[in-house]
Every structure is written in C-alpha cells, then in structure tokens.
C-alpha cells in the first residue's frame, strides 16, 4: 500500500521522520541512549561517579541504571570495585562492550531507516 501525505502537508514545512531507539524488557525500557552513554563514560573514566558527573546525572541515578542493567543481564555488565588506597572504580565486561557495539550498529540502521522515510516524504 502506497501512502502519500505530501498533499496533506504545507509546502513550506520541512518535515522529517524522527524517533528514538531502545531495547525493552518486560519491565520496560532496558537499553537505550542514556544507558549506552553511561557505559561508554564508565569505560572512559573507570568510574560511575565521574561518568555520572560528565552526564550531569546524579550519582544515585547512575547507580540505579547500573543496577538495573546488571539485574536484567545474564551476567553483570559493570563490575564495581570498592575503594582502597587507590580508591574504587568500575570496569565494563565483554558483554557490556558487545551491547554497546550492537546498539551502535542498530542505531545506524535506524538512522538510515529514518532518512529513507524522510526522503519518501519529499517525493
């Protein structure tokens, strides 16, 4: 079925198809732009606290996201280490890196889809 909404839209409006992408589990949103960015920043900084600070996110919310991710995956994706002489820190597991890579690929495919649909609007 071919649908054209071009005759419905005003000619002077620039319209594009847009959306956001995340994975859902039974509990709702599971893995999307926010958790991906948090994991990437934990990987860069080695710290949940620093990652949260860079994102202007509360430390409490960052921990809640980490705990939610770890609770919904077969094995933890973030391994926190308690403090000591050199302080604590956190590392990502191979599974976390795989999830990030998958989400990047999925996000690119989604962006391509959105662009294709926007181009269809222009026809």
PDB file of N, CA and C in Angstrom:
ATOM      1  N   UNK A   1       0.848  -1.176   0.000  1.00  0.00           N
ATOM      2  CA  UNK A   1       0.000   0.000   0.000  1.00  0.00           C
ATOM      3  C   UNK A   1       0.888   1.232   0.000  1.00  0.00           C
ATOM      4  N   UNK A   2       0.637   2.101  -0.911  1.00  0.00           N
ATOM      5  CA  UNK A   2       1.403   3.334  -1.019  1.00  0.00           C
ATOM      6  C   UNK A   2       0.599   4.476  -0.416  1.00  0.00           C
ATOM      7  N   UNK A   3       1.216   5.161   0.523  1.00  0.00           N
ATOM      8  CA  UNK A   3       0.556   6.287   1.172  1.00  0.00           C
ATOM      9  C   UNK A   3       1.397   7.526   0.919  1.00  0.00           C
ATOM     10  N   UNK A   4       0.735   8.600   0.510  1.00  0.00           N
ATOM     11  CA  UNK A   4       1.423   9.866   0.312  1.00  0.00           C
ATOM     12  C   UNK A   4       0.751  10.921   1.164  1.00  0.00           C
ATOM     13  N   UNK A   5       1.512  11.520   2.044  1.00  0.00           N
ATOM     14  CA  UNK A   5       0.937  12.586   2.872  1.00  0.00           C
ATOM     15  C   UNK A   5       1.394  13.957   2.393  1.00  0.00           C
ATOM     16  N   UNK A   6       2.094  13.973   1.273  1.00  0.00           N
ATOM     17  CA  UNK A   6       2.600  15.252   0.755  1.00  0.00           C
ATOM     18  C   UNK A   6       1.484  16.254   0.483  1.00  0.00           C
ATOM     19  N   UNK A   7       0.344  15.789  -0.005  1.00  0.00           N
ATOM     20  CA  UNK A   7      -0.748  16.726  -0.290  1.00  0.00           C
ATOM     21  C   UNK A   7      -1.457  17.178   0.989  1.00  0.00           C
ATOM     22  N   UNK A   8      -1.143  16.566   2.103  1.00  0.00           N
ATOM     23  CA  UNK A   8      -1.711  16.969   3.392  1.00  0.00           C
ATOM     24  C   UNK A   8      -0.843  18.035   4.058  1.00  0.00           C
ATOM     25  N   UNK A   9       0.467  17.932   3.860  1.00  0.00           N
ATOM     26  CA  UNK A   9       1.412  18.844   4.498  1.00  0.00           C
ATOM     27  C   UNK A   9       1.511  20.163   3.750  1.00  0.00           C
ATOM     28  N   UNK A  10       1.794  21.226   4.473  1.00  0.00           N
ATOM     29  CA  UNK A  10       2.035  22.518   3.833  1.00  0.00           C
ATOM     30  C   UNK A  10       3.376  22.457   3.113  1.00  0.00           C
ATOM     31  N   UNK A  11       3.424  23.097   1.951  1.00  0.00           N
ATOM     32  CA  UNK A  11       4.638  23.058   1.139  1.00  0.00           C
ATOM     33  C   UNK A  11       5.825  23.736   1.810  1.00  0.00           C
ATOM     34  N   UNK A  12       5.584  24.711   2.653  1.00  0.00           N
ATOM     35  CA  UNK A  12       6.699  25.453   3.238  1.00  0.00           C
ATOM     36  C   UNK A  12       7.245  24.796   4.510  1.00  0.00           C
ATOM     37  N   UNK A  13       6.695  23.671   4.916  1.00  0.00           N
ATOM     38  CA  UNK A  13       7.187  22.988   6.113  1.00  0.00           C
ATOM     39  C   UNK A  13       8.252  21.964   5.743  1.00  0.00           C
ATOM     40  N   UNK A  14       9.322  21.978   6.488  1.00  0.00           N
ATOM     41  CA  UNK A  14      10.319  20.944   6.351  1.00  0.00           C
ATOM     42  C   UNK A  14       9.961  19.868   7.356  1.00  0.00           C
ATOM     43  N   UNK A  15       9.650  18.690   6.874  1.00  0.00           N
ATOM     44  CA  UNK A  15       9.217  17.595   7.729  1.00  0.00           C
ATOM     45  C   UNK A  15      10.194  16.449   7.580  1.00  0.00           C
ATOM     46  N   UNK A  16      10.505  15.835   8.701  1.00  0.00           N
ATOM     47  CA  UNK A  16      11.339  14.642   8.640  1.00  0.00           C
ATOM     48  C   UNK A  16      10.795  13.603   9.603  1.00  0.00           C
ATOM     49  N   UNK A  17      11.093  12.365   9.328  1.00  0.00           N
ATOM     50  CA  UNK A  17      10.706  11.267  10.197  1.00  0.00           C
ATOM     51  C   UNK A  17      11.771  11.161  11.276  1.00  0.00           C
ATOM     52  N   UNK A  18      11.340  11.065  12.526  1.00  0.00           N
ATOM     53  CA  UNK A  18      12.284  11.045  13.630  1.00  0.00           C
ATOM     54  C   UNK A  18      11.837  10.024  14.660  1.00  0.00           C
ATOM     55  N   UNK A  19      12.723   9.645  15.534  1.00  0.00           N
ATOM     56  CA  UNK A  19      12.383   8.699  16.581  1.00  0.00           C
ATOM     57  C   UNK A  19      13.574   8.411  17.455  1.00  0.00           C
ATOM     58  N   UNK A  20      13.332   7.651  18.480  1.00  0.00           N
ATOM     59  CA  UNK A  20      14.382   7.229  19.395  1.00  0.00           C
ATOM     60  C   UNK A  20      14.363   5.715  19.444  1.00  0.00           C
ATOM     61  N   UNK A  21      15.472   5.135  19.829  1.00  0.00           N
ATOM     62  CA  UNK A  21      15.614   3.689  19.766  1.00  0.00           C
ATOM     63  C   UNK A  21      16.131   3.154  21.089  1.00  0.00           C
ATOM     64  N   UNK A  22      15.480   2.143  21.605  1.00  0.00           N
ATOM     65  CA  UNK A  22      15.936   1.475  22.810  1.00  0.00           C
ATOM     66  C   UNK A  22      15.443   0.035  22.774  1.00  0.00           C
ATOM     67  N   UNK A  23      16.023  -0.783  23.617  1.00  0.00           N
ATOM     68  CA  UNK A  23      15.557  -2.151  23.791  1.00  0.00           C
ATOM     69  C   UNK A  23      14.634  -2.172  24.998  1.00  0.00           C
ATOM     70  N   UNK A  24      13.623  -3.025  24.945  1.00  0.00           N
ATOM     71  CA  UNK A  24      12.697  -3.152  26.057  1.00  0.00           C
ATOM     72  C   UNK A  24      12.709  -4.570  26.585  1.00  0.00           C
ATOM     73  N   UNK A  25      12.547  -4.681  27.884  1.00  0.00           N
ATOM     74  CA  UNK A  25      12.332  -5.963  28.550  1.00  0.00           C
ATOM     75  C   UNK A  25      10.926  -5.907  29.148  1.00  0.00           C
ATOM     76  N   UNK A  26      10.529  -6.943  29.837  1.00  0.00           N
ATOM     77  CA  UNK A  26       9.187  -6.975  30.423  1.00  0.00           C
ATOM     78  C   UNK A  26       8.962  -5.782  31.349  1.00  0.00           C
ATOM     79  N   UNK A  27      10.019  -5.301  31.978  1.00  0.00           N
ATOM     80  CA  UNK A  27       9.910  -4.186  32.923  1.00  0.00           C
ATOM     81  C   UNK A  27       9.855  -2.827  32.232  1.00  0.00           C
ATOM     82  N   UNK A  28      10.047  -2.776  30.928  1.00  0.00           N
ATOM     83  CA  UNK A  28      10.034  -1.516  30.183  1.00  0.00           C
ATOM     84  C   UNK A  28      11.366  -1.235  29.524  1.00  0.00           C
ATOM     85  N   UNK A  29      11.664   0.051  29.328  1.00  0.00           N
ATOM     86  CA  UNK A  29      12.914   0.446  28.676  1.00  0.00           C
ATOM     87  C   UNK A  29      14.087  -0.226  29.383  1.00  0.00           C
ATOM     88  N   UNK A  30      14.982  -0.760  28.581  1.00  0.00           N
ATOM     89  CA  UNK A  30      16.095  -1.506  29.140  1.00  0.00           C
ATOM     90  C   UNK A  30      17.437  -0.916  28.727  1.00  0.00           C
ATOM     91  N   UNK A  31      17.608  -0.695  27.437  1.00  0.00           N
ATOM     92  CA  UNK A  31      18.921  -0.282  26.946  1.00  0.00           C
ATOM     93  C   UNK A  31      18.738   0.681  25.795  1.00  0.00           C
ATOM     94  N   UNK A  32      19.089   1.939  26.030  1.00  0.00           N
ATOM     95  CA  UNK A  32      18.936   2.959  25.013  1.00  0.00           C
ATOM     96  C   UNK A  32      20.040   3.980  25.127  1.00  0.00           C
ATOM     97  N   UNK A  33      19.826   5.170  24.588  1.00  0.00           N
ATOM     98  CA  UNK A  33      20.876   6.181  24.546  1.00  0.00           C
ATOM     99  C   UNK A  33      21.475   6.532  25.910  1.00  0.00           C
ATOM    100  N   UNK A  34      20.656   6.663  26.937  1.00  0.00           N
ATOM    101  CA  UNK A  34      21.177   7.024  28.261  1.00  0.00           C
ATOM    102  C   UNK A  34      22.086   5.965  28.852  1.00  0.00           C
ATOM    103  N   UNK A  35      21.610   4.723  28.978  1.00  0.00           N
ATOM    104  CA  UNK A  35      22.483   3.670  29.488  1.00  0.00           C
ATOM    105  C   UNK A  35      23.722   3.437  28.625  1.00  0.00           C
ATOM    106  N   UNK A  36      23.580   3.561  27.307  1.00  0.00           N
ATOM    107  CA  UNK A  36      24.742   3.386  26.432  1.00  0.00           C
ATOM    108  C   UNK A  36      25.784   4.461  26.744  1.00  0.00           C
ATOM    109  N   UNK A  37      25.343   5.709  26.834  1.00  0.00           N
ATOM    110  CA  UNK A  37      26.283   6.790  27.137  1.00  0.00           C
ATOM    111  C   UNK A  37      26.930   6.589  28.501  1.00  0.00           C
ATOM    112  N   UNK A  38      26.143   6.169  29.483  1.00  0.00           N
ATOM    113  CA  UNK A  38      26.695   5.929  30.813  1.00  0.00           C
ATOM    114  C   UNK A  38      27.778   4.852  30.755  1.00  0.00           C
ATOM    115  N   UNK A  39      27.497   3.747  30.076  1.00  0.00           N
ATOM    116  CA  UNK A  39      28.501   2.677  29.962  1.00  0.00           C
ATOM    117  C   UNK A  39      29.753   3.176  29.241  1.00  0.00           C
ATOM    118  N   UNK A  40      29.566   3.928  28.166  1.00  0.00           N
ATOM    119  CA  UNK A  40      30.722   4.449  27.429  1.00  0.00           C
ATOM    120  C   UNK A  40      31.579   5.346  28.327  1.00  0.00           C
ATOM    121  N   UNK A  41      30.934   6.165  29.121  1.00  0.00           N
ATOM    122  CA  UNK A  41      31.680   7.073  30.005  1.00  0.00           C
ATOM    123  C   UNK A  41      32.321   6.327  31.171  1.00  0.00           C
ATOM    124  N   UNK A  42      31.683   5.266  31.653  1.00  0.00           N
ATOM    125  CA  UNK A  42      32.320   4.435  32.680  1.00  0.00           C
ATOM    126  C   UNK A  42      33.577   3.803  32.097  1.00  0.00           C
ATOM    127  N   UNK A  43      33.482   3.332  30.857  1.00  0.00           N
ATOM    128  CA  UNK A  43      34.655   2.745  30.196  1.00  0.00           C
ATOM    129  C   UNK A  43      35.786   3.757  30.073  1.00  0.00           C
ATOM    130  N   UNK A  44      35.440   5.003  29.746  1.00  0.00           N
ATOM    131  CA  UNK A  44      36.451   6.052  29.577  1.00  0.00           C
ATOM    132  C   UNK A  44      37.074   6.485  30.903  1.00  0.00           C
ATOM    133  N   UNK A  45      36.235   6.648  31.924  1.00  0.00           N
ATOM    134  CA  UNK A  45      36.700   7.219  33.192  1.00  0.00           C
ATOM    135  C   UNK A  45      37.076   6.172  34.228  1.00  0.00           C
ATOM    136  N   UNK A  46      36.541   4.956  34.094  1.00  0.00           N
ATOM    137  CA  UNK A  46      36.767   3.928  35.099  1.00  0.00           C
ATOM    138  C   UNK A  46      35.977   4.179  36.372  1.00  0.00           C
ATOM    139  N   UNK A  47      34.971   5.051  36.292  1.00  0.00           N
ATOM    140  CA  UNK A  47      34.247   5.464  37.487  1.00  0.00           C
ATOM    141  C   UNK A  47      32.790   5.754  37.184  1.00  0.00           C
ATOM    142  N   UNK A  48      31.897   5.192  37.986  1.00  0.00           N
ATOM    143  CA  UNK A  48      30.476   5.506  37.858  1.00  0.00           C
ATOM    144  C   UNK A  48      30.248   6.957  38.250  1.00  0.00           C
ATOM    145  N   UNK A  49      30.916   7.386  39.314  1.00  0.00           N
ATOM    146  CA  UNK A  49      30.750   8.761  39.793  1.00  0.00           C
ATOM    147  C   UNK A  49      31.186   9.779  38.727  1.00  0.00           C
ATOM    148  N   UNK A  50      32.332   9.574  38.120  1.00  0.00           N
ATOM    149  CA  UNK A  50      32.817  10.508  37.095  1.00  0.00           C
ATOM    150  C   UNK A  50      31.942  10.463  35.843  1.00  0.00           C
ATOM    151  N   UNK A  51      31.507   9.268  35.471  1.00  0.00           N
ATOM    152  CA  UNK A  51      30.628   9.139  34.302  1.00  0.00           C
ATOM    153  C   UNK A  51      29.340   9.919  34.534  1.00  0.00           C
ATOM    154  N   UNK A  52      28.767   9.763  35.730  1.00  0.00           N
ATOM    155  CA  UNK A  52      27.533  10.485  36.056  1.00  0.00           C
ATOM    156  C   UNK A  52      27.768  11.988  36.031  1.00  0.00           C
ATOM    157  N   UNK A  53      28.878  12.421  36.589  1.00  0.00           N
ATOM    158  CA  UNK A  53      29.195  13.854  36.627  1.00  0.00           C
ATOM    159  C   UNK A  53      29.301  14.423  35.219  1.00  0.00           C
ATOM    160  N   UNK A  54      29.981  13.703  34.326  1.00  0.00           N
ATOM    161  CA  UNK A  54      30.126  14.160  32.937  1.00  0.00           C
ATOM    162  C   UNK A  54      28.780  14.269  32.230  1.00  0.00           C
ATOM    163  N   UNK A  55      27.811  13.468  32.656  1.00  0.00           N
ATOM    164  CA  UNK A  55      26.487  13.472  32.027  1.00  0.00           C
ATOM    165  C   UNK A  55      25.507  14.392  32.752  1.00  0.00           C
ATOM    166  N   UNK A  56      25.976  15.085  33.776  1.00  0.00           N
ATOM    167  CA  UNK A  56      25.089  15.888  34.626  1.00  0.00           C
ATOM    168  C   UNK A  56      23.955  15.032  35.183  1.00  0.00           C
ATOM    169  N   UNK A  57      24.308  13.832  35.593  1.00  0.00           N
ATOM    170  CA  UNK A  57      23.365  12.874  36.148  1.00  0.00           C
ATOM    171  C   UNK A  57      23.735  12.668  37.617  1.00  0.00           C
ATOM    172  N   UNK A  58      22.744  12.469  38.447  1.00  0.00           N
ATOM    173  CA  UNK A  58      23.059  12.215  39.852  1.00  0.00           C
ATOM    174  C   UNK A  58      23.750  10.856  39.985  1.00  0.00           C
ATOM    175  N   UNK A  59      24.606  10.763  40.968  1.00  0.00           N
ATOM    176  CA  UNK A  59      25.310   9.509  41.253  1.00  0.00           C
ATOM    177  C   UNK A  59      24.289   8.421  41.573  1.00  0.00           C
ATOM    178  N   UNK A  60      23.235   8.787  42.290  1.00  0.00           N
ATOM    179  CA  UNK A  60      22.184   7.842  42.659  1.00  0.00           C
ATOM    180  C   UNK A  60      21.499   7.282  41.411  1.00  0.00           C
ATOM    181  N   UNK A  61      21.185   8.153  40.446  1.00  0.00           N
ATOM    182  CA  UNK A  61      20.533   7.694  39.212  1.00  0.00           C
ATOM    183  C   UNK A  61      21.473   6.801  38.411  1.00  0.00           C
ATOM    184  N   UNK A  62      22.762   7.155  38.363  1.00  0.00           N
ATOM    185  CA  UNK A  62      23.736   6.336  37.637  1.00  0.00           C
ATOM    186  C   UNK A  62      23.808   4.937  38.248  1.00  0.00           C
ATOM    187  N   UNK A  63      23.852   4.868  39.574  1.00  0.00           N
ATOM    188  CA  UNK A  63      23.874   3.568  40.247  1.00  0.00           C
ATOM    189  C   UNK A  63      22.597   2.793  39.966  1.00  0.00           C
ATOM    190  N   UNK A  64      21.462   3.482  39.940  1.00  0.00           N
ATOM    191  CA  UNK A  64      20.195   2.811  39.647  1.00  0.00           C
ATOM    192  C   UNK A  64      20.221   2.210  38.241  1.00  0.00           C
ATOM    193  N   UNK A  65      20.769   2.954  37.272  1.00  0.00           N
ATOM    194  CA  UNK A  65      20.880   2.432  35.901  1.00  0.00           C
ATOM    195  C   UNK A  65      21.813   1.229  35.845  1.00  0.00           C
ATOM    196  N   UNK A  66      22.957   1.336  36.520  1.00  0.00           N
ATOM    197  CA  UNK A  66      23.914   0.224  36.547  1.00  0.00           C
ATOM    198  C   UNK A  66      23.271  -1.002  37.187  1.00  0.00           C
ATOM    199  N   UNK A  67      22.599  -0.808  38.309  1.00  0.00           N
ATOM    200  CA  UNK A  67      21.944  -1.934  38.985  1.00  0.00           C
ATOM    201  C   UNK A  67      20.853  -2.543  38.120  1.00  0.00           C
ATOM    202  N   UNK A  68      20.091  -1.714  37.421  1.00  0.00           N
ATOM    203  CA  UNK A  68      19.037  -2.218  36.536  1.00  0.00           C
ATOM    204  C   UNK A  68      19.639  -3.030  35.391  1.00  0.00           C
ATOM    205  N   UNK A  69      20.710  -2.525  34.798  1.00  0.00           N
ATOM    206  CA  UNK A  69      21.370  -3.268  33.722  1.00  0.00           C
ATOM    207  C   UNK A  69      21.902  -4.598  34.232  1.00  0.00           C
ATOM    208  N   UNK A  70      22.594  -4.556  35.362  1.00  0.00           N
ATOM    209  CA  UNK A  70      23.167  -5.785  35.918  1.00  0.00           C
ATOM    210  C   UNK A  70      22.083  -6.790  36.303  1.00  0.00           C
ATOM    211  N   UNK A  71      20.926  -6.299  36.734  1.00  0.00           N
ATOM    212  CA  UNK A  71      19.836  -7.190  37.139  1.00  0.00           C
ATOM    213  C   UNK A  71      19.149  -7.843  35.941  1.00  0.00           C
ATOM    214  N   UNK A  72      19.220  -7.197  34.780  1.00  0.00           N
ATOM    215  CA  UNK A  72      18.491  -7.695  33.606  1.00  0.00           C
ATOM    216  C   UNK A  72      19.372  -8.473  32.636  1.00  0.00           C
ATOM    217  N   UNK A  73      20.635  -8.598  32.947  1.00  0.00           N
ATOM    218  CA  UNK A  73      21.537  -9.337  32.063  1.00  0.00           C
ATOM    219  C   UNK A  73      21.968 -10.635  32.747  1.00  0.00           C
ATOM    220  N   UNK A  74      22.323 -11.611  31.925  1.00  0.00           N
ATOM    221  CA  UNK A  74      22.704 -12.923  32.459  1.00  0.00           C
ATOM    222  C   UNK A  74      23.915 -12.831  33.381  1.00  0.00           C
ATOM    223  N   UNK A  75      24.832 -11.939  33.054  1.00  0.00           N
ATOM    224  CA  UNK A  75      25.968 -11.679  33.934  1.00  0.00           C
ATOM    225  C   UNK A  75      26.155 -10.165  33.983  1.00  0.00           C
ATOM    226  N   UNK A  76      26.740  -9.651  35.055  1.00  0.00           N
ATOM    227  CA  UNK A  76      26.869  -8.193  35.191  1.00  0.00           C
ATOM    228  C   UNK A  76      27.596  -7.567  34.002  1.00  0.00           C
ATOM    229  N   UNK A  77      27.178  -6.343  33.665  1.00  0.00           N
ATOM    230  CA  UNK A  77      27.846  -5.600  32.589  1.00  0.00           C
ATOM    231  C   UNK A  77      28.811  -4.565  33.159  1.00  0.00           C
ATOM    232  N   UNK A  78      28.611  -4.195  34.417  1.00  0.00           N
ATOM    233  CA  UNK A  78      29.510  -3.279  35.110  1.00  0.00           C
ATOM    234  C   UNK A  78      29.975  -3.977  36.379  1.00  0.00           C
ATOM    235  N   UNK A  79      31.289  -3.997  36.568  1.00  0.00           N
ATOM    236  CA  UNK A  79      31.867  -4.589  37.770  1.00  0.00           C
ATOM    237  C   UNK A  79      32.432  -3.457  38.624  1.00  0.00           C
ATOM    238  N   UNK A  80      31.715  -3.084  39.694  1.00  0.00           N
ATOM    239  CA  UNK A  80      32.242  -2.044  40.583  1.00  0.00           C
ATOM    240  C   UNK A  80      33.282  -2.643  41.524  1.00  0.00           C
ATOM    241  N   UNK A  81      34.285  -1.843  41.832  1.00  0.00           N
ATOM    242  CA  UNK A  81      35.326  -2.257  42.768  1.00  0.00           C
ATOM    243  C   UNK A  81      35.328  -1.279  43.924  1.00  0.00           C
ATOM    244  N   UNK A  82      35.296  -1.796  45.121  1.00  0.00           N
ATOM    245  CA  UNK A  82      35.255  -0.931  46.288  1.00  0.00           C
ATOM    246  C   UNK A  82      36.571  -0.206  46.467  1.00  0.00           C
ATOM    247  N   UNK A  83      36.516   0.880  47.214  1.00  0.00           N
ATOM    248  CA  UNK A  83      37.690   1.719  47.438  1.00  0.00           C
ATOM    249  C   UNK A  83      38.797   1.011  48.195  1.00  0.00           C
ATOM    250  N   UNK A  84      39.884   1.641  48.236  1.00  0.00           N
ATOM    251  CA  UNK A  84      41.082   1.165  48.917  1.00  0.00           C
ATOM    252  C   UNK A  84      42.077   2.294  48.884  1.00  0.00           C
ATOM    253  N   UNK A  85      43.342   1.972  48.926  1.00  0.00           N
ATOM    254  CA  UNK A  85      44.373   3.015  48.860  1.00  0.00           C
ATOM    255  C   UNK A  85      44.247   3.871  47.611  1.00  0.00           C
ATOM    256  N   UNK A  86      43.971   3.218  46.502  1.00  0.00           N
ATOM    257  CA  UNK A  86      43.860   3.938  45.229  1.00  0.00           C
ATOM    258  C   UNK A  86      42.415   4.274  44.891  1.00  0.00           C
ATOM    259  N   UNK A  87      41.506   4.023  45.795  1.00  0.00           N
ATOM    260  CA  UNK A  87      40.091   4.306  45.535  1.00  0.00           C
ATOM    261  C   UNK A  87      39.433   3.175  44.788  1.00  0.00           C
ATOM    262  N   UNK A  88      38.153   3.319  44.547  1.00  0.00           N
ATOM    263  CA  UNK A  88      37.402   2.288  43.845  1.00  0.00           C
ATOM    264  C   UNK A  88      37.489   2.483  42.348  1.00  0.00           C
ATOM    265  N   UNK A  89      36.529   2.001  41.692  1.00  0.00           N
ATOM    266  CA  UNK A  89      36.476   2.134  40.244  1.00  0.00           C
ATOM    267  C   UNK A  89      35.491   1.132  39.700  1.00  0.00           C
ATOM    268  N   UNK A  90      35.252   1.186  38.434  1.00  0.00           N
ATOM    269  CA  UNK A  90      34.328   0.261  37.782  1.00  0.00           C
ATOM    270  C   UNK A  90      34.869  -0.083  36.408  1.00  0.00           C
ATOM    271  N   UNK A  91      34.638  -1.308  36.024  1.00  0.00           N
ATOM    272  CA  UNK A  91      35.040  -1.754  34.700  1.00  0.00           C
ATOM    273  C   UNK A  91      33.847  -2.377  33.997  1.00  0.00           C
ATOM    274  N   UNK A  92      33.882  -2.348  32.679  1.00  0.00           N
ATOM    275  CA  UNK A  92      32.840  -2.977  31.875  1.00  0.00           C
ATOM    276  C   UNK A  92      33.282  -4.379  31.503  1.00  0.00           C
ATOM    277  N   UNK A  93      32.307  -5.256  31.405  1.00  0.00           N
ATOM    278  CA  UNK A  93      32.593  -6.618  30.972  1.00  0.00           C
ATOM    279  C   UNK A  93      32.552  -6.678  29.447  1.00  0.00           C
ATOM    280  N   UNK A  94      32.994  -7.808  28.928  1.00  0.00           N
ATOM    281  CA  UNK A  94      32.939  -8.023  27.474  1.00  0.00           C
ATOM    282  C   UNK A  94      31.500  -7.936  26.980  1.00  0.00           C
ATOM    283  N   UNK A  95      30.554  -8.391  27.802  1.00  0.00           N
ATOM    284  CA  UNK A  95      29.141  -8.335  27.420  1.00  0.00           C
ATOM    285  C   UNK A  95      28.674  -6.888  27.262  1.00  0.00           C
ATOM    286  N   UNK A  96      29.139  -6.021  28.138  1.00  0.00           N
ATOM    287  CA  UNK A  96      28.772  -4.597  28.034  1.00  0.00           C
ATOM    288  C   UNK A  96      29.301  -4.013  26.732  1.00  0.00           C
ATOM    289  N   UNK A  97      30.540  -4.322  26.402  1.00  0.00           N
ATOM    290  CA  UNK A  97      31.134  -3.807  25.162  1.00  0.00           C
ATOM    291  C   UNK A  97      30.390  -4.342  23.949  1.00  0.00           C
ATOM    292  N   UNK A  98      29.950  -5.595  24.032  1.00  0.00           N
ATOM    293  CA  UNK A  98      29.177  -6.180  22.935  1.00  0.00           C
ATOM    294  C   UNK A  98      27.822  -5.489  22.804  1.00  0.00           C
ATOM    295  N   UNK A  99      27.173  -5.195  23.927  1.00  0.00           N
ATOM    296  CA  UNK A  99      25.884  -4.497  23.894  1.00  0.00           C
ATOM    297  C   UNK A  99      26.029  -3.101  23.301  1.00  0.00           C
ATOM    298  N   UNK A 100      27.105  -2.403  23.670  1.00  0.00           N
ATOM    299  CA  UNK A 100      27.351  -1.063  23.131  1.00  0.00           C
ATOM    300  C   UNK A 100      27.543  -1.144  21.621  1.00  0.00           C
ATOM    301  N   UNK A 101      28.365  -2.085  21.180  1.00  0.00           N
ATOM    302  CA  UNK A 101      28.620  -2.238  19.737  1.00  0.00           C
ATOM    303  C   UNK A 101      27.324  -2.577  18.994  1.00  0.00           C
ATOM    304  N   UNK A 102      26.513  -3.467  19.559  1.00  0.00           N
ATOM    305  CA  UNK A 102      25.243  -3.822  18.935  1.00  0.00           C
ATOM    306  C   UNK A 102      24.335  -2.602  18.837  1.00  0.00           C
ATOM    307  N   UNK A 103      24.263  -1.832  19.899  1.00  0.00           N
ATOM    308  CA  UNK A 103      23.389  -0.660  19.895  1.00  0.00           C
ATOM    309  C   UNK A 103      23.867   0.368  18.870  1.00  0.00           C
ATOM    310  N   UNK A 104      25.170   0.541  18.713  1.00  0.00           N
ATOM    311  CA  UNK A 104      25.700   1.478  17.696  1.00  0.00           C
ATOM    312  C   UNK A 104      25.266   1.051  16.302  1.00  0.00           C
ATOM    313  N   UNK A 105      25.405  -0.246  16.018  1.00  0.00           N
ATOM    314  CA  UNK A 105      25.003  -0.768  14.700  1.00  0.00           C
ATOM    315  C   UNK A 105      23.500  -0.594  14.506  1.00  0.00           C
ATOM    316  N   UNK A 106      22.738  -0.942  15.517  1.00  0.00           N
ATOM    317  CA  UNK A 106      21.286  -0.813  15.450  1.00  0.00           C
ATOM    318  C   UNK A 106      20.880   0.644  15.259  1.00  0.00           C
ATOM    319  N   UNK A 107      21.555   1.543  15.975  1.00  0.00           N
ATOM    320  CA  UNK A 107      21.249   2.971  15.869  1.00  0.00           C
ATOM    321  C   UNK A 107      21.545   3.490  14.464  1.00  0.00           C
ATOM    322  N   UNK A 108      22.619   2.997  13.833  1.00  0.00           N
ATOM    323  CA  UNK A 108      22.933   3.425  12.467  1.00  0.00           C
ATOM    324  C   UNK A 108      21.890   2.911  11.487  1.00  0.00           C
ATOM    325  N   UNK A 109      21.471   1.665  11.648  1.00  0.00           N
ATOM    326  CA  UNK A 109      20.421   1.116  10.779  1.00  0.00           C
ATOM    327  C   UNK A 109      19.124   1.888  10.957  1.00  0.00           C
ATOM    328  N   UNK A 110      18.812   2.271  12.192  1.00  0.00           N
ATOM    329  CA  UNK A 110      17.604   3.038  12.479  1.00  0.00           C
ATOM    330  C   UNK A 110      17.698   4.423  11.843  1.00  0.00           C
ATOM    331  N   UNK A 111      18.869   5.064  11.946  1.00  0.00           N
ATOM    332  CA  UNK A 111      19.067   6.382  11.331  1.00  0.00           C
ATOM    333  C   UNK A 111      18.902   6.291   9.821  1.00  0.00           C
ATOM    334  N   UNK A 112      19.419   5.226   9.224  1.00  0.00           N
ATOM    335  CA  UNK A 112      19.249   5.023   7.781  1.00  0.00           C
ATOM    336  C   UNK A 112      17.766   4.883   7.427  1.00  0.00           C
ATOM    337  N   UNK A 113      17.030   4.122   8.231  1.00  0.00           N
ATOM    338  CA  UNK A 113      15.594   3.955   8.009  1.00  0.00           C
ATOM    339  C   UNK A 113      14.876   5.301   8.103  1.00  0.00           C
ATOM    340  N   UNK A 114      15.191   6.082   9.148  1.00  0.00           N
ATOM    341  CA  UNK A 114      14.549   7.385   9.311  1.00  0.00           C
ATOM    342  C   UNK A 114      14.842   8.293   8.118  1.00  0.00           C
ATOM    343  N   UNK A 115      16.072   8.262   7.634  1.00  0.00           N
ATOM    344  CA  UNK A 115      16.446   9.074   6.481  1.00  0.00           C
ATOM    345  C   UNK A 115      15.689   8.622   5.232  1.00  0.00           C
ATOM    346  N   UNK A 116      15.582   7.318   5.022  1.00  0.00           N
ATOM    347  CA  UNK A 116      14.842   6.801   3.865  1.00  0.00           C
ATOM    348  C   UNK A 116      13.382   7.243   3.907  1.00  0.00           C
ATOM    349  N   UNK A 117      12.775   7.180   5.075  1.00  0.00           N
ATOM    350  CA  UNK A 117      11.379   7.587   5.199  1.00  0.00           C
ATOM    351  C   UNK A 117      11.220   9.086   5.001  1.00  0.00           C
ATOM    352  N   UNK A 118      12.180   9.851   5.463  1.00  0.00           N
ATOM    353  CA  UNK A 118      12.145  11.313   5.238  1.00  0.00           C
ATOM    354  C   UNK A 118      12.248  11.602   3.745  1.00  0.00           C
ATOM    355  N   UNK A 119      13.112  10.879   3.055  1.00  0.00           N
ATOM    356  CA  UNK A 119      13.251  11.075   1.603  1.00  0.00           C
ATOM    357  C   UNK A 119      11.947  10.744   0.884  1.00  0.00           C
ATOM    358  N   UNK A 120      11.233   9.747   1.372  1.00  0.00           N
ATOM    359  CA  UNK A 120       9.935   9.397   0.766  1.00  0.00           C
ATOM    360  C   UNK A 120       8.930  10.522   0.906  1.00  0.00           C
ATOM    361  N   UNK A 121       9.016  11.260   2.008  1.00  0.00           N
ATOM    362  CA  UNK A 121       8.106  12.389   2.209  1.00  0.00           C
ATOM    363  C   UNK A 121       8.329  13.484   1.160  1.00  0.00           C
ATOM    364  N   UNK A 122       9.526  13.564   0.654  1.00  0.00           N
ATOM    365  CA  UNK A 122       9.882  14.619  -0.290  1.00  0.00           C
ATOM    366  C   UNK A 122       9.462  14.298  -1.716  1.00  0.00           C
ATOM    367  N   UNK A 123       9.015  13.081  -1.954  1.00  0.00           N
ATOM    368  CA  UNK A 123       8.630  12.677  -3.317  1.00  0.00           C
ATOM    369  C   UNK A 123       7.216  13.079  -3.634  1.00  0.00           C
TER     370      UNK A 123
END
